[in-house]
Protein backbone atom coordinates (compact mmCIF):
# COMPACT_ATOMS: atom_id res chain seq x y z
CA MET A 1 186.59 -3.27 167.61
CA ASN A 2 184.53 -5.12 164.80
CA ARG A 3 181.93 -5.38 168.15
CA SER A 4 182.01 -1.89 168.26
CA LEU A 5 181.13 -1.18 164.70
CA LEU A 6 178.46 -3.79 164.77
CA VAL A 7 176.89 -2.12 167.28
CA LEU A 8 176.84 1.30 165.58
CA ALA A 9 175.67 0.12 162.49
CA LEU A 10 173.04 -1.49 164.17
CA LEU A 11 172.09 1.73 165.85
CA ALA A 12 172.05 3.36 162.65
CA VAL A 13 169.71 0.90 160.74
CA GLY A 14 166.37 2.85 163.16
CA CYS A 15 165.06 -0.21 163.00
CA GLY A 16 161.69 -0.50 165.21
CA ASP A 17 162.47 -3.46 166.80
CA LYS A 18 164.50 -2.12 170.07
CA ASP A 19 165.06 -5.77 171.39
CA ALA A 20 166.69 -6.90 168.57
CA ASP A 21 169.24 -4.16 168.75
CA ASP A 22 169.52 -4.39 172.60
CA SER A 23 170.20 -8.21 172.10
CA ALA A 24 172.78 -7.57 169.35
CA ALA A 25 174.54 -5.63 171.38
CA THR A 26 174.62 -7.79 174.47
CA ASP A 27 174.58 -10.95 173.01
CA ASP A 28 178.20 -12.70 173.46
CA SER A 29 177.97 -15.07 171.10
CA SER A 30 177.37 -12.68 168.23
CA ALA A 31 180.32 -11.03 169.34
CA THR A 32 182.51 -13.63 169.30
CA THR A 33 181.58 -14.26 165.53
CA ASP A 34 182.16 -10.94 164.44
CA ASP A 35 185.55 -11.05 166.12
CA SER A 36 186.64 -14.23 164.48
CA ALA A 37 186.10 -12.49 161.09
CA ALA A 38 189.85 -12.14 159.25
CA ASP A 39 188.84 -8.81 157.99
CA ASP A 40 186.02 -5.71 158.05
CA THR A 41 184.79 -7.71 154.60
CA GLY A 42 183.05 -10.30 157.21
CA THR A 43 181.42 -7.25 159.45
CA LEU A 44 180.04 -5.49 155.61
CA GLU A 45 178.66 -9.29 155.29
CA MET A 46 177.07 -9.36 158.54
CA ASP A 47 175.53 -5.82 158.20
CA GLY A 48 174.42 -6.10 154.72
CA ALA A 49 172.62 -9.81 155.49
CA VAL A 50 171.17 -7.59 158.93
CA LEU A 51 170.08 -4.92 156.71
CA TYR A 52 168.40 -7.10 153.73
CA ALA A 53 166.88 -9.31 156.72
CA ASP A 54 165.19 -6.01 158.14
CA HIS A 55 164.64 -4.22 154.81
CA CYS A 56 164.22 -6.47 152.13
CA GLU A 57 163.48 -9.87 152.82
CA THR A 58 159.91 -9.73 153.50
CA CYS A 59 159.28 -8.53 149.95
CA HIS A 60 161.87 -10.14 147.94
CA GLY A 61 162.53 -13.62 150.29
CA PRO A 62 165.58 -14.56 152.16
CA SER A 63 167.33 -15.83 148.87
CA GLY A 64 165.84 -12.47 146.56
CA GLY A 65 163.93 -15.15 144.71
CA GLY A 66 160.76 -13.04 145.42
CA THR A 67 157.29 -13.53 147.24
CA ALA A 68 153.83 -12.22 146.56
CA SER A 69 155.53 -9.18 147.50
CA GLY A 70 157.86 -8.24 145.73
CA PRO A 71 160.08 -9.59 142.56
CA ASN A 72 162.97 -11.69 141.82
CA ILE A 73 165.78 -9.87 142.46
CA ARG A 74 168.69 -12.22 141.20
CA PRO A 75 168.38 -11.38 137.80
CA GLU A 76 168.93 -7.86 138.39
CA LEU A 77 172.19 -8.39 139.87
CA GLY A 78 173.98 -9.05 136.98
CA ARG A 79 171.90 -6.82 135.35
CA HIS A 80 173.08 -3.48 136.68
CA ASP A 81 175.99 -1.91 138.65
CA ASP A 82 176.24 -1.40 142.30
CA ALA A 83 175.70 2.48 141.27
CA PHE A 84 172.24 1.74 139.69
CA ILE A 85 171.02 -1.17 142.64
CA VAL A 86 171.88 1.65 145.81
CA ASP A 87 169.91 4.27 143.70
CA VAL A 88 167.25 2.07 143.90
CA ILE A 89 167.57 1.14 147.43
CA LEU A 90 167.69 4.86 148.41
CA ASN A 91 164.59 6.24 145.73
CA GLY A 92 162.44 3.31 144.89
CA HIS A 93 161.88 2.16 141.55
CA GLY A 94 158.17 1.08 140.03
CA ASP A 95 156.39 -0.05 143.09
CA MET A 96 159.10 -0.22 145.49
CA GLU A 97 159.11 2.66 147.88
CA PRO A 98 162.34 4.18 149.10
CA VAL A 99 164.42 2.29 152.37
CA ASP A 100 165.06 4.06 154.89
CA VAL A 101 169.04 3.63 154.75
CA THR A 102 171.96 5.69 154.37
CA ALA A 103 174.23 4.77 151.13
CA GLU A 104 176.82 3.22 152.79
CA GLN A 105 174.07 0.47 154.34
CA ALA A 106 172.20 0.47 150.74
CA GLN A 107 176.00 -0.58 149.51
CA ALA A 108 176.57 -3.20 152.05
CA ILE A 109 173.18 -4.55 151.17
CA VAL A 110 174.21 -4.79 147.33
CA ASP A 111 177.75 -6.06 148.53
CA TRP A 112 175.96 -8.96 150.60
CA MET A 113 173.26 -9.70 147.93
CA ARG A 114 176.07 -9.94 145.56
CA ALA A 115 178.37 -12.42 147.78
CA ASN A 116 175.13 -14.23 148.61
CA PHE A 117 172.70 -14.74 145.68
């Protein structure tokens, strides 16, 4: 069941890289990793990681520390609640354009960032 949720989540992302979606759906090693998760939290973290990598990492870096294209977002996690950060993801803020994800996907990104940054 976790593998089905992962496939649905990856399809919902709407990423332009069809090959990445296909390989995630058919890659037995990633399915094994997802199946080994103790609960749905592991799936959410994986979804958040994939979503962050697809939509945020280019500008904010792999650890949220920023790049020439976008600021360090780690301090913002301590300054703002989830609702504010989800709103920024969905609607943009300052120079940041809105990210093309659902509210649930935006929350998965926030959850993953809070757990990993």
